[in-house]
Amino acid sequence: GEIQRVIEIPASNSQTTSSINQVFDFTNLSKGKYLVKFYYYSLDEEKLALQTATYEILGVIPGDVNGDGVVTAADVTALYDYLLNNVTTNLVNGDQNGDGDITAADVTAVYNVLLGN
C-alpha cells in the first residue's frame, strides 16, 4: 500500500557519541505504511537526518501475547509470568480483552483463542 503518513522523531542530541540508543512506542498507530525519519539537531541547530525507513504496521494477532506471530501455550505462560512474578520480558500484547489492564481475564481471552472460541 501507499505511505499513510510521515513521522519525524527527534533523537537525543549527542554530538560526542557514534550511536544513539532510544526506544520509540508505535503501539497506538493504526495499520498502514509509515515513513519514519529519525533525526537530531547539530550544535548550530541544523536538522540532520540519522536514518529514514518505511515501516508497515500489520496489527496485532489476537492471543499473541509474546509477539512471535503465533498463538501457543507460550502466550499463556507470558501472561502468568507477568501476573505472578511481574516479568515483562515476553509481554508484547498483554491486554487481550482491551480493558486497559492485564488481568486473569486476559488469560481467559488467550485460552479462548487457543480453543477456537
N, C-alpha and C. Protein backbone atom coordinates (compact mmCIF):
# COMPACT_ATOMS: atom_id res chain seq x y z
N GLY A 1 0.80 -1.20 0.00
CA GLY A 1 0.00 0.00 0.00
C GLY A 1 0.84 1.26 0.00
N GLU A 2 0.17 2.35 -0.10
CA GLU A 2 0.84 3.65 -0.10
C GLU A 2 1.18 4.07 1.32
N ILE A 3 2.13 4.99 1.43
CA ILE A 3 2.52 5.51 2.75
C ILE A 3 1.37 6.31 3.33
N GLN A 4 1.00 5.96 4.56
CA GLN A 4 -0.13 6.58 5.23
C GLN A 4 0.22 7.97 5.75
N ARG A 5 1.41 8.09 6.35
CA ARG A 5 1.86 9.40 6.81
C ARG A 5 3.34 9.35 7.15
N VAL A 6 3.93 10.51 7.28
CA VAL A 6 5.35 10.63 7.63
C VAL A 6 5.43 10.97 9.11
N ILE A 7 6.29 10.28 9.82
CA ILE A 7 6.51 10.54 11.25
C ILE A 7 7.95 10.98 11.41
N GLU A 8 8.15 12.14 12.01
CA GLU A 8 9.50 12.62 12.28
C GLU A 8 9.75 12.53 13.77
N ILE A 9 10.86 11.89 14.14
CA ILE A 9 11.17 11.64 15.55
C ILE A 9 12.52 12.23 15.87
N PRO A 10 12.55 13.19 16.82
CA PRO A 10 13.85 13.73 17.23
C PRO A 10 14.57 12.74 18.14
N ALA A 11 15.81 12.45 17.83
CA ALA A 11 16.63 11.61 18.70
C ALA A 11 17.34 12.50 19.71
N SER A 12 17.92 11.89 20.73
CA SER A 12 18.68 12.67 21.71
C SER A 12 19.80 13.42 21.02
N ASN A 13 20.00 14.65 21.41
CA ASN A 13 21.11 15.41 20.84
C ASN A 13 22.41 14.92 21.45
N SER A 14 23.28 14.40 20.62
CA SER A 14 24.54 13.88 21.12
C SER A 14 25.58 13.94 20.00
N GLN A 15 26.45 14.90 20.07
CA GLN A 15 27.46 15.03 19.04
C GLN A 15 28.74 14.27 19.38
N THR A 16 28.83 13.72 20.59
CA THR A 16 30.07 13.09 21.01
C THR A 16 30.03 11.57 20.91
N THR A 17 28.88 10.97 20.66
CA THR A 17 28.82 9.52 20.56
C THR A 17 28.54 9.10 19.12
N SER A 18 28.98 7.90 18.78
CA SER A 18 28.77 7.42 17.43
C SER A 18 27.44 6.68 17.28
N SER A 19 26.77 6.38 18.38
CA SER A 19 25.47 5.72 18.29
C SER A 19 24.53 6.28 19.35
N ILE A 20 23.26 6.21 19.04
CA ILE A 20 22.23 6.69 19.96
C ILE A 20 21.24 5.56 20.17
N ASN A 21 20.97 5.21 21.41
CA ASN A 21 20.02 4.15 21.72
C ASN A 21 18.78 4.76 22.35
N GLN A 22 17.65 4.62 21.67
CA GLN A 22 16.38 5.10 22.20
C GLN A 22 15.29 4.11 21.83
N VAL A 23 14.22 4.10 22.61
CA VAL A 23 13.07 3.24 22.34
C VAL A 23 11.90 4.14 21.98
N PHE A 24 11.20 3.79 20.91
CA PHE A 24 10.05 4.55 20.46
C PHE A 24 8.83 3.65 20.49
N ASP A 25 7.73 4.16 20.95
CA ASP A 25 6.49 3.39 21.08
C ASP A 25 5.56 3.70 19.92
N PHE A 26 5.33 2.70 19.09
CA PHE A 26 4.44 2.84 17.95
C PHE A 26 3.14 2.08 18.14
N THR A 27 2.82 1.69 19.37
CA THR A 27 1.66 0.83 19.61
C THR A 27 0.34 1.51 19.31
N ASN A 28 0.27 2.82 19.32
CA ASN A 28 -1.00 3.49 19.07
C ASN A 28 -1.25 3.81 17.60
N LEU A 29 -0.35 3.37 16.72
CA LEU A 29 -0.53 3.61 15.29
C LEU A 29 -1.49 2.58 14.71
N SER A 30 -2.33 3.01 13.80
CA SER A 30 -3.23 2.08 13.14
C SER A 30 -2.46 1.35 12.04
N LYS A 31 -3.08 0.31 11.47
CA LYS A 31 -2.46 -0.44 10.40
C LYS A 31 -2.16 0.49 9.23
N GLY A 32 -1.06 0.22 8.55
CA GLY A 32 -0.70 1.02 7.38
C GLY A 32 0.80 1.17 7.26
N LYS A 33 1.24 1.86 6.22
CA LYS A 33 2.67 2.11 5.99
C LYS A 33 3.01 3.50 6.49
N TYR A 34 4.17 3.60 7.13
CA TYR A 34 4.63 4.87 7.67
C TYR A 34 6.07 5.10 7.24
N LEU A 35 6.37 6.30 6.81
CA LEU A 35 7.74 6.72 6.56
C LEU A 35 8.22 7.37 7.85
N VAL A 36 9.23 6.78 8.45
CA VAL A 36 9.73 7.27 9.74
C VAL A 36 11.11 7.87 9.52
N LYS A 37 11.27 9.11 9.98
CA LYS A 37 12.55 9.80 9.87
C LYS A 37 13.08 10.09 11.28
N PHE A 38 14.22 9.53 11.60
CA PHE A 38 14.88 9.80 12.87
C PHE A 38 15.92 10.88 12.59
N TYR A 39 15.97 11.89 13.44
CA TYR A 39 16.89 12.99 13.19
C TYR A 39 17.38 13.60 14.50
N TYR A 40 18.39 14.44 14.40
CA TYR A 40 18.86 15.24 15.53
C TYR A 40 19.29 16.60 15.00
N TYR A 41 19.53 17.52 15.89
CA TYR A 41 19.99 18.86 15.51
C TYR A 41 21.47 18.98 15.82
N SER A 42 22.20 19.61 14.91
CA SER A 42 23.61 19.87 15.15
C SER A 42 23.73 21.00 16.16
N LEU A 43 24.96 21.33 16.53
CA LEU A 43 25.19 22.39 17.50
C LEU A 43 24.66 23.74 17.01
N ASP A 44 24.66 23.95 15.69
CA ASP A 44 24.13 25.21 15.16
C ASP A 44 22.65 25.07 14.76
N GLU A 45 21.99 24.08 15.33
CA GLU A 45 20.55 23.84 15.18
C GLU A 45 20.13 23.50 13.76
N GLU A 46 21.04 22.91 12.99
CA GLU A 46 20.68 22.41 11.67
C GLU A 46 20.11 20.99 11.83
N LYS A 47 19.00 20.72 11.19
CA LYS A 47 18.35 19.41 11.28
C LYS A 47 19.14 18.41 10.45
N LEU A 48 19.62 17.35 11.07
CA LEU A 48 20.41 16.34 10.39
C LEU A 48 19.71 14.99 10.50
N ALA A 49 19.53 14.31 9.40
CA ALA A 49 18.87 13.00 9.42
C ALA A 49 19.84 11.92 9.86
N LEU A 50 19.37 11.04 10.70
CA LEU A 50 20.14 9.87 11.09
C LEU A 50 19.77 8.68 10.22
N GLN A 51 18.47 8.46 10.07
CA GLN A 51 18.00 7.31 9.31
C GLN A 51 16.58 7.56 8.85
N THR A 52 16.26 7.08 7.68
CA THR A 52 14.91 7.13 7.16
C THR A 52 14.52 5.70 6.79
N ALA A 53 13.35 5.27 7.20
CA ALA A 53 12.91 3.91 6.91
C ALA A 53 11.40 3.89 6.74
N THR A 54 10.92 2.90 6.01
CA THR A 54 9.49 2.69 5.86
C THR A 54 9.10 1.48 6.68
N TYR A 55 8.08 1.62 7.50
CA TYR A 55 7.59 0.53 8.33
C TYR A 55 6.14 0.26 8.00
N GLU A 56 5.76 -0.99 8.05
CA GLU A 56 4.37 -1.34 7.84
C GLU A 56 3.83 -1.93 9.14
N ILE A 57 2.79 -1.30 9.67
CA ILE A 57 2.13 -1.78 10.87
C ILE A 57 1.05 -2.75 10.41
N LEU A 58 1.19 -4.01 10.78
CA LEU A 58 0.25 -5.03 10.32
C LEU A 58 -0.89 -5.26 11.30
N GLY A 59 -0.71 -4.86 12.53
CA GLY A 59 -1.73 -5.10 13.53
C GLY A 59 -1.33 -6.24 14.45
N VAL A 60 -2.11 -6.43 15.47
CA VAL A 60 -1.82 -7.42 16.49
C VAL A 60 -2.66 -8.67 16.23
N ILE A 61 -2.05 -9.82 16.39
CA ILE A 61 -2.77 -11.09 16.27
C ILE A 61 -3.44 -11.38 17.61
N PRO A 62 -4.77 -11.53 17.63
CA PRO A 62 -5.45 -11.84 18.89
C PRO A 62 -4.87 -13.10 19.54
N GLY A 63 -4.49 -12.97 20.80
CA GLY A 63 -3.93 -14.10 21.54
C GLY A 63 -2.42 -14.14 21.53
N ASP A 64 -1.77 -13.40 20.65
CA ASP A 64 -0.31 -13.42 20.54
C ASP A 64 0.29 -12.46 21.55
N VAL A 65 0.44 -12.91 22.76
CA VAL A 65 0.92 -12.09 23.87
C VAL A 65 2.41 -11.77 23.73
N ASN A 66 3.20 -12.75 23.31
CA ASN A 66 4.65 -12.55 23.27
C ASN A 66 5.16 -12.01 21.94
N GLY A 67 4.27 -11.78 20.97
CA GLY A 67 4.65 -11.13 19.73
C GLY A 67 5.45 -11.98 18.76
N ASP A 68 5.36 -13.30 18.87
CA ASP A 68 6.12 -14.16 17.96
C ASP A 68 5.35 -14.53 16.70
N GLY A 69 4.12 -14.03 16.57
CA GLY A 69 3.35 -14.26 15.36
C GLY A 69 2.43 -15.45 15.37
N VAL A 70 2.46 -16.24 16.44
CA VAL A 70 1.57 -17.40 16.59
C VAL A 70 0.99 -17.43 17.99
N VAL A 71 -0.14 -18.10 18.15
CA VAL A 71 -0.77 -18.22 19.47
C VAL A 71 -0.53 -19.63 19.97
N THR A 72 0.22 -19.71 21.07
CA THR A 72 0.57 -21.01 21.67
C THR A 72 0.50 -20.91 23.19
N ALA A 73 0.84 -22.01 23.85
CA ALA A 73 0.90 -22.02 25.32
C ALA A 73 1.93 -21.02 25.84
N ALA A 74 2.91 -20.66 25.02
CA ALA A 74 3.92 -19.68 25.44
C ALA A 74 3.27 -18.32 25.72
N ASP A 75 2.17 -18.02 25.04
CA ASP A 75 1.47 -16.75 25.29
C ASP A 75 0.79 -16.77 26.65
N VAL A 76 0.23 -17.91 27.01
CA VAL A 76 -0.37 -18.05 28.34
C VAL A 76 0.71 -17.93 29.41
N THR A 77 1.84 -18.59 29.15
CA THR A 77 2.97 -18.53 30.09
C THR A 77 3.46 -17.10 30.29
N ALA A 78 3.52 -16.34 29.21
CA ALA A 78 3.96 -14.93 29.31
C ALA A 78 3.02 -14.13 30.20
N LEU A 79 1.72 -14.38 30.08
CA LEU A 79 0.75 -13.68 30.95
C LEU A 79 0.91 -14.10 32.39
N TYR A 80 1.04 -15.42 32.63
CA TYR A 80 1.23 -15.89 34.01
C TYR A 80 2.52 -15.33 34.61
N ASP A 81 3.59 -15.29 33.81
CA ASP A 81 4.85 -14.71 34.31
C ASP A 81 4.66 -13.27 34.74
N TYR A 82 3.86 -12.53 33.99
CA TYR A 82 3.60 -11.14 34.35
C TYR A 82 2.72 -11.05 35.59
N LEU A 83 1.62 -11.80 35.60
CA LEU A 83 0.65 -11.69 36.69
C LEU A 83 1.21 -12.20 38.02
N LEU A 84 2.01 -13.25 37.98
CA LEU A 84 2.52 -13.84 39.22
C LEU A 84 3.88 -13.28 39.65
N ASN A 85 4.71 -12.90 38.68
CA ASN A 85 6.08 -12.50 39.02
C ASN A 85 6.49 -11.14 38.47
N ASN A 86 5.53 -10.43 37.81
CA ASN A 86 5.78 -9.13 37.21
C ASN A 86 6.93 -9.16 36.19
N VAL A 87 7.06 -10.29 35.47
CA VAL A 87 8.06 -10.45 34.44
C VAL A 87 7.48 -9.92 33.13
N THR A 88 8.13 -8.93 32.54
CA THR A 88 7.61 -8.31 31.32
C THR A 88 8.42 -8.66 30.08
N THR A 89 9.39 -9.57 30.21
CA THR A 89 10.30 -9.90 29.12
C THR A 89 9.57 -10.31 27.84
N ASN A 90 8.60 -11.20 27.95
CA ASN A 90 7.89 -11.71 26.77
C ASN A 90 6.49 -11.12 26.64
N LEU A 91 6.25 -10.00 27.26
CA LEU A 91 4.92 -9.41 27.27
C LEU A 91 4.86 -8.26 26.26
N VAL A 92 4.41 -8.57 25.04
CA VAL A 92 4.30 -7.57 23.98
C VAL A 92 2.88 -7.04 23.91
N ASN A 93 1.90 -7.92 24.06
CA ASN A 93 0.50 -7.57 23.92
C ASN A 93 -0.31 -8.26 25.01
N GLY A 94 -0.15 -7.82 26.25
CA GLY A 94 -0.79 -8.49 27.37
C GLY A 94 -2.26 -8.19 27.54
N ASP A 95 -2.69 -7.00 27.19
CA ASP A 95 -4.10 -6.61 27.37
C ASP A 95 -4.93 -7.18 26.23
N GLN A 96 -5.31 -8.42 26.35
CA GLN A 96 -6.00 -9.13 25.27
C GLN A 96 -7.47 -8.74 25.12
N ASN A 97 -8.10 -8.34 26.22
CA ASN A 97 -9.54 -8.01 26.12
C ASN A 97 -9.78 -6.50 25.94
N GLY A 98 -8.70 -5.72 25.90
CA GLY A 98 -8.81 -4.30 25.60
C GLY A 98 -9.41 -3.43 26.69
N ASP A 99 -9.36 -3.90 27.94
CA ASP A 99 -9.94 -3.11 29.03
C ASP A 99 -8.94 -2.17 29.70
N GLY A 100 -7.69 -2.17 29.21
CA GLY A 100 -6.68 -1.27 29.76
C GLY A 100 -5.85 -1.86 30.88
N ASP A 101 -6.19 -3.07 31.33
CA ASP A 101 -5.45 -3.73 32.40
C ASP A 101 -5.06 -5.14 31.96
N ILE A 102 -4.00 -5.66 32.56
CA ILE A 102 -3.61 -7.05 32.32
C ILE A 102 -4.01 -7.85 33.55
N THR A 103 -4.99 -8.72 33.37
CA THR A 103 -5.56 -9.49 34.48
C THR A 103 -5.80 -10.94 34.03
N ALA A 104 -6.39 -11.72 34.93
CA ALA A 104 -6.75 -13.11 34.62
C ALA A 104 -7.74 -13.18 33.46
N ALA A 105 -8.52 -12.12 33.26
CA ALA A 105 -9.46 -12.10 32.13
C ALA A 105 -8.71 -12.17 30.80
N ASP A 106 -7.49 -11.65 30.74
CA ASP A 106 -6.70 -11.72 29.53
C ASP A 106 -6.20 -13.15 29.28
N VAL A 107 -5.91 -13.87 30.36
CA VAL A 107 -5.54 -15.29 30.23
C VAL A 107 -6.71 -16.05 29.62
N THR A 108 -7.91 -15.79 30.10
CA THR A 108 -9.11 -16.42 29.56
C THR A 108 -9.27 -16.09 28.08
N ALA A 109 -9.00 -14.86 27.70
CA ALA A 109 -9.11 -14.46 26.30
C ALA A 109 -8.14 -15.25 25.42
N VAL A 110 -6.92 -15.49 25.92
CA VAL A 110 -5.95 -16.27 25.15
C VAL A 110 -6.40 -17.72 25.05
N TYR A 111 -6.89 -18.27 26.18
CA TYR A 111 -7.42 -19.64 26.13
C TYR A 111 -8.53 -19.76 25.10
N ASN A 112 -9.40 -18.77 25.03
CA ASN A 112 -10.49 -18.78 24.05
C ASN A 112 -9.97 -18.81 22.62
N VAL A 113 -8.89 -18.06 22.36
CA VAL A 113 -8.28 -18.09 21.03
C VAL A 113 -7.70 -19.47 20.75
N LEU A 114 -7.00 -20.03 21.74
CA LEU A 114 -6.40 -21.36 21.57
C LEU A 114 -7.46 -22.42 21.31
N LEU A 115 -8.61 -22.29 21.96
CA LEU A 115 -9.68 -23.26 21.81
C LEU A 115 -10.59 -22.99 20.61
N GLY A 116 -10.33 -21.87 19.94
CA GLY A 116 -11.12 -21.54 18.76
C GLY A 116 -12.47 -20.93 19.08
N ASN A 117 -12.61 -20.39 20.27
CA ASN A 117 -13.89 -19.77 20.67
C ASN A 117 -13.95 -18.30 20.29
